N, C-alpha and C. Protein backbone atom coordinates (compact mmCIF):
# COMPACT_ATOMS: atom_id res chain seq x y z
N MET A 1 53.85 -26.37 -64.65
CA MET A 1 52.53 -25.84 -64.41
C MET A 1 52.68 -24.46 -63.77
N GLU A 2 51.98 -23.51 -64.31
CA GLU A 2 52.08 -22.14 -63.81
C GLU A 2 51.21 -21.95 -62.58
N ALA A 3 51.54 -20.96 -61.81
CA ALA A 3 50.77 -20.63 -60.60
C ALA A 3 49.34 -20.26 -60.98
N ARG A 4 49.20 -19.66 -62.15
CA ARG A 4 47.86 -19.25 -62.59
C ARG A 4 46.98 -20.47 -62.85
N ASP A 5 47.54 -21.52 -63.44
CA ASP A 5 46.80 -22.76 -63.69
C ASP A 5 46.34 -23.38 -62.38
N VAL A 6 47.21 -23.39 -61.39
CA VAL A 6 46.88 -23.94 -60.08
C VAL A 6 45.76 -23.12 -59.46
N ALA A 7 45.87 -21.82 -59.53
CA ALA A 7 44.85 -20.93 -58.95
C ALA A 7 43.52 -21.13 -59.66
N ASP A 8 43.55 -21.29 -60.99
CA ASP A 8 42.31 -21.53 -61.74
C ASP A 8 41.67 -22.86 -61.35
N ARG A 9 42.50 -23.89 -61.20
CA ARG A 9 41.97 -25.19 -60.78
C ARG A 9 41.37 -25.12 -59.38
N GLN A 10 42.06 -24.43 -58.49
CA GLN A 10 41.54 -24.28 -57.13
C GLN A 10 40.23 -23.51 -57.13
N PHE A 11 40.16 -22.48 -57.96
CA PHE A 11 38.94 -21.69 -58.07
C PHE A 11 37.80 -22.54 -58.62
N ASP A 12 38.08 -23.33 -59.65
CA ASP A 12 37.06 -24.21 -60.22
C ASP A 12 36.59 -25.25 -59.19
N ALA A 13 37.54 -25.81 -58.43
CA ALA A 13 37.18 -26.78 -57.41
C ALA A 13 36.32 -26.13 -56.33
N LEU A 14 36.67 -24.92 -55.96
CA LEU A 14 35.90 -24.18 -54.97
C LEU A 14 34.49 -23.89 -55.48
N LEU A 15 34.38 -23.46 -56.72
CA LEU A 15 33.06 -23.21 -57.30
C LEU A 15 32.22 -24.48 -57.36
N GLU A 16 32.84 -25.60 -57.72
CA GLU A 16 32.12 -26.87 -57.77
C GLU A 16 31.61 -27.25 -56.39
N ARG A 17 32.45 -27.09 -55.39
CA ARG A 17 32.05 -27.42 -54.01
C ARG A 17 30.92 -26.49 -53.55
N LEU A 18 31.01 -25.22 -53.87
CA LEU A 18 29.95 -24.28 -53.51
C LEU A 18 28.63 -24.62 -54.19
N ASP A 19 28.71 -25.08 -55.43
CA ASP A 19 27.50 -25.51 -56.14
C ASP A 19 26.86 -26.71 -55.45
N ARG A 20 27.69 -27.67 -55.00
CA ARG A 20 27.15 -28.83 -54.28
C ARG A 20 26.52 -28.41 -52.95
N ILE A 21 27.17 -27.49 -52.26
CA ILE A 21 26.61 -27.00 -50.99
C ILE A 21 25.29 -26.28 -51.24
N ALA A 22 25.22 -25.47 -52.28
CA ALA A 22 23.97 -24.77 -52.60
C ALA A 22 22.85 -25.75 -52.93
N ALA A 23 23.16 -26.80 -53.67
CA ALA A 23 22.15 -27.80 -54.01
C ALA A 23 21.67 -28.52 -52.75
N GLN A 24 22.58 -28.84 -51.85
CA GLN A 24 22.20 -29.50 -50.60
C GLN A 24 21.32 -28.58 -49.75
N LEU A 25 21.67 -27.31 -49.69
CA LEU A 25 20.85 -26.35 -48.94
C LEU A 25 19.45 -26.23 -49.53
N GLU A 26 19.34 -26.29 -50.84
CA GLU A 26 18.02 -26.26 -51.48
C GLU A 26 17.21 -27.48 -51.09
N ARG A 27 17.83 -28.66 -51.08
CA ARG A 27 17.13 -29.89 -50.66
C ARG A 27 16.69 -29.79 -49.20
N ILE A 28 17.55 -29.28 -48.36
CA ILE A 28 17.20 -29.11 -46.94
C ILE A 28 16.04 -28.14 -46.81
N GLY A 29 16.07 -27.06 -47.56
CA GLY A 29 14.99 -26.08 -47.52
C GLY A 29 13.66 -26.68 -47.95
N ARG A 30 13.67 -27.48 -49.00
CA ARG A 30 12.43 -28.13 -49.45
C ARG A 30 11.92 -29.10 -48.39
N HIS A 31 12.84 -29.82 -47.76
CA HIS A 31 12.46 -30.76 -46.70
C HIS A 31 11.82 -30.01 -45.53
N LEU A 32 12.41 -28.91 -45.12
CA LEU A 32 11.86 -28.13 -44.01
C LEU A 32 10.49 -27.56 -44.35
N GLU A 33 10.33 -27.09 -45.58
CA GLU A 33 9.03 -26.57 -45.99
C GLU A 33 7.96 -27.66 -45.93
N ALA A 34 8.31 -28.85 -46.38
CA ALA A 34 7.36 -29.97 -46.34
C ALA A 34 7.04 -30.32 -44.89
N HIS A 35 8.05 -30.32 -44.04
CA HIS A 35 7.84 -30.64 -42.63
C HIS A 35 6.92 -29.62 -41.97
N GLU A 36 7.12 -28.34 -42.27
CA GLU A 36 6.25 -27.30 -41.71
C GLU A 36 4.82 -27.49 -42.19
N GLY A 37 4.67 -27.91 -43.43
CA GLY A 37 3.33 -28.17 -43.96
C GLY A 37 2.66 -29.31 -43.22
N PHE A 38 3.43 -30.36 -42.92
CA PHE A 38 2.87 -31.48 -42.16
C PHE A 38 2.47 -31.06 -40.76
N GLN A 39 3.25 -30.18 -40.16
CA GLN A 39 2.90 -29.69 -38.82
C GLN A 39 1.58 -28.92 -38.86
N GLN A 40 1.39 -28.12 -39.87
CA GLN A 40 0.13 -27.37 -40.00
C GLN A 40 -1.04 -28.32 -40.19
N VAL A 41 -0.87 -29.32 -41.04
CA VAL A 41 -1.93 -30.29 -41.28
C VAL A 41 -2.22 -31.06 -39.99
N SER A 42 -1.19 -31.43 -39.27
CA SER A 42 -1.36 -32.14 -38.01
C SER A 42 -2.17 -31.31 -37.02
N GLY A 43 -1.87 -30.04 -36.93
CA GLY A 43 -2.62 -29.15 -36.05
C GLY A 43 -4.08 -29.04 -36.45
N GLU A 44 -4.32 -28.94 -37.74
CA GLU A 44 -5.70 -28.86 -38.23
C GLU A 44 -6.47 -30.15 -37.94
N ILE A 45 -5.80 -31.29 -38.09
CA ILE A 45 -6.44 -32.57 -37.80
C ILE A 45 -6.77 -32.66 -36.31
N ARG A 46 -5.88 -32.17 -35.46
CA ARG A 46 -6.14 -32.18 -34.02
C ARG A 46 -7.37 -31.33 -33.68
N VAL A 47 -7.47 -30.16 -34.30
CA VAL A 47 -8.63 -29.30 -34.06
C VAL A 47 -9.90 -29.98 -34.58
N LEU A 48 -9.82 -30.61 -35.73
CA LEU A 48 -10.97 -31.32 -36.30
C LEU A 48 -11.40 -32.46 -35.38
N ALA A 49 -10.43 -33.20 -34.85
CA ALA A 49 -10.75 -34.30 -33.93
C ALA A 49 -11.45 -33.77 -32.69
N ASP A 50 -10.98 -32.65 -32.16
CA ASP A 50 -11.63 -32.04 -30.99
C ASP A 50 -13.07 -31.64 -31.32
N SER A 51 -13.27 -31.10 -32.50
CA SER A 51 -14.62 -30.69 -32.91
C SER A 51 -15.53 -31.90 -33.06
N ILE A 52 -15.02 -32.97 -33.62
CA ILE A 52 -15.81 -34.20 -33.78
C ILE A 52 -16.16 -34.76 -32.41
N ASP A 53 -15.21 -34.73 -31.48
CA ASP A 53 -15.49 -35.18 -30.11
C ASP A 53 -16.61 -34.36 -29.49
N ALA A 54 -16.54 -33.05 -29.65
CA ALA A 54 -17.56 -32.17 -29.08
C ALA A 54 -18.93 -32.48 -29.69
N LEU A 55 -18.96 -32.72 -31.00
CA LEU A 55 -20.23 -33.06 -31.65
C LEU A 55 -20.78 -34.39 -31.14
N ALA A 56 -19.89 -35.35 -30.93
CA ALA A 56 -20.33 -36.66 -30.42
C ALA A 56 -20.92 -36.51 -29.02
N TYR A 57 -20.27 -35.73 -28.17
CA TYR A 57 -20.81 -35.51 -26.83
C TYR A 57 -22.16 -34.79 -26.90
N ALA A 58 -22.25 -33.80 -27.79
CA ALA A 58 -23.51 -33.06 -27.93
C ALA A 58 -24.62 -33.99 -28.41
N ALA A 59 -24.30 -34.90 -29.30
CA ALA A 59 -25.31 -35.84 -29.81
C ALA A 59 -25.80 -36.76 -28.70
N LEU A 60 -24.91 -37.04 -27.74
CA LEU A 60 -25.28 -37.89 -26.62
C LEU A 60 -25.91 -37.10 -25.47
N GLY A 61 -25.95 -35.77 -25.64
CA GLY A 61 -26.52 -34.92 -24.60
C GLY A 61 -25.60 -34.77 -23.40
N GLN A 62 -24.32 -34.95 -23.60
CA GLN A 62 -23.35 -34.82 -22.53
C GLN A 62 -22.40 -33.67 -22.84
N SER A 63 -21.62 -33.32 -21.83
CA SER A 63 -20.59 -32.32 -22.08
C SER A 63 -19.23 -32.94 -21.77
N PRO A 64 -18.27 -32.68 -22.61
CA PRO A 64 -16.95 -33.28 -22.40
C PRO A 64 -16.23 -32.61 -21.24
N GLN A 65 -15.29 -33.33 -20.65
CA GLN A 65 -14.42 -32.71 -19.66
C GLN A 65 -13.41 -31.87 -20.41
N VAL A 66 -13.28 -30.63 -20.00
CA VAL A 66 -12.39 -29.72 -20.71
C VAL A 66 -10.99 -29.86 -20.16
N ARG A 67 -10.05 -30.07 -21.08
CA ARG A 67 -8.64 -30.15 -20.73
C ARG A 67 -7.89 -29.09 -21.51
N ARG A 68 -6.97 -28.46 -20.87
CA ARG A 68 -6.14 -27.49 -21.56
C ARG A 68 -4.91 -28.21 -22.11
N ARG A 69 -4.56 -27.88 -23.32
CA ARG A 69 -3.37 -28.48 -23.91
C ARG A 69 -2.13 -27.96 -23.21
N GLY A 70 -1.19 -28.84 -23.05
CA GLY A 70 0.07 -28.45 -22.45
C GLY A 70 0.06 -28.54 -20.94
N ALA A 71 -1.09 -28.71 -20.33
CA ALA A 71 -1.17 -28.86 -18.87
C ALA A 71 -0.90 -30.31 -18.51
N PRO A 72 -0.17 -30.53 -17.41
CA PRO A 72 0.13 -31.93 -17.03
C PRO A 72 -1.08 -32.68 -16.54
């Protein structure tokens, strides 16, 4: 077996491994994009829930106790 054949095989193996890594990175990227989308939807639902609460209090003629997010 010539040194060139070995080098070609090593190069092919390296390319194959790089292709698998690239495919895995694409899957990870799609997963992260979906996760970010869920975070945005979750935030919107939280805002909607707060608005519904405010409307419910207004319908009862009361005012809600205001809490700041992130405060203990």
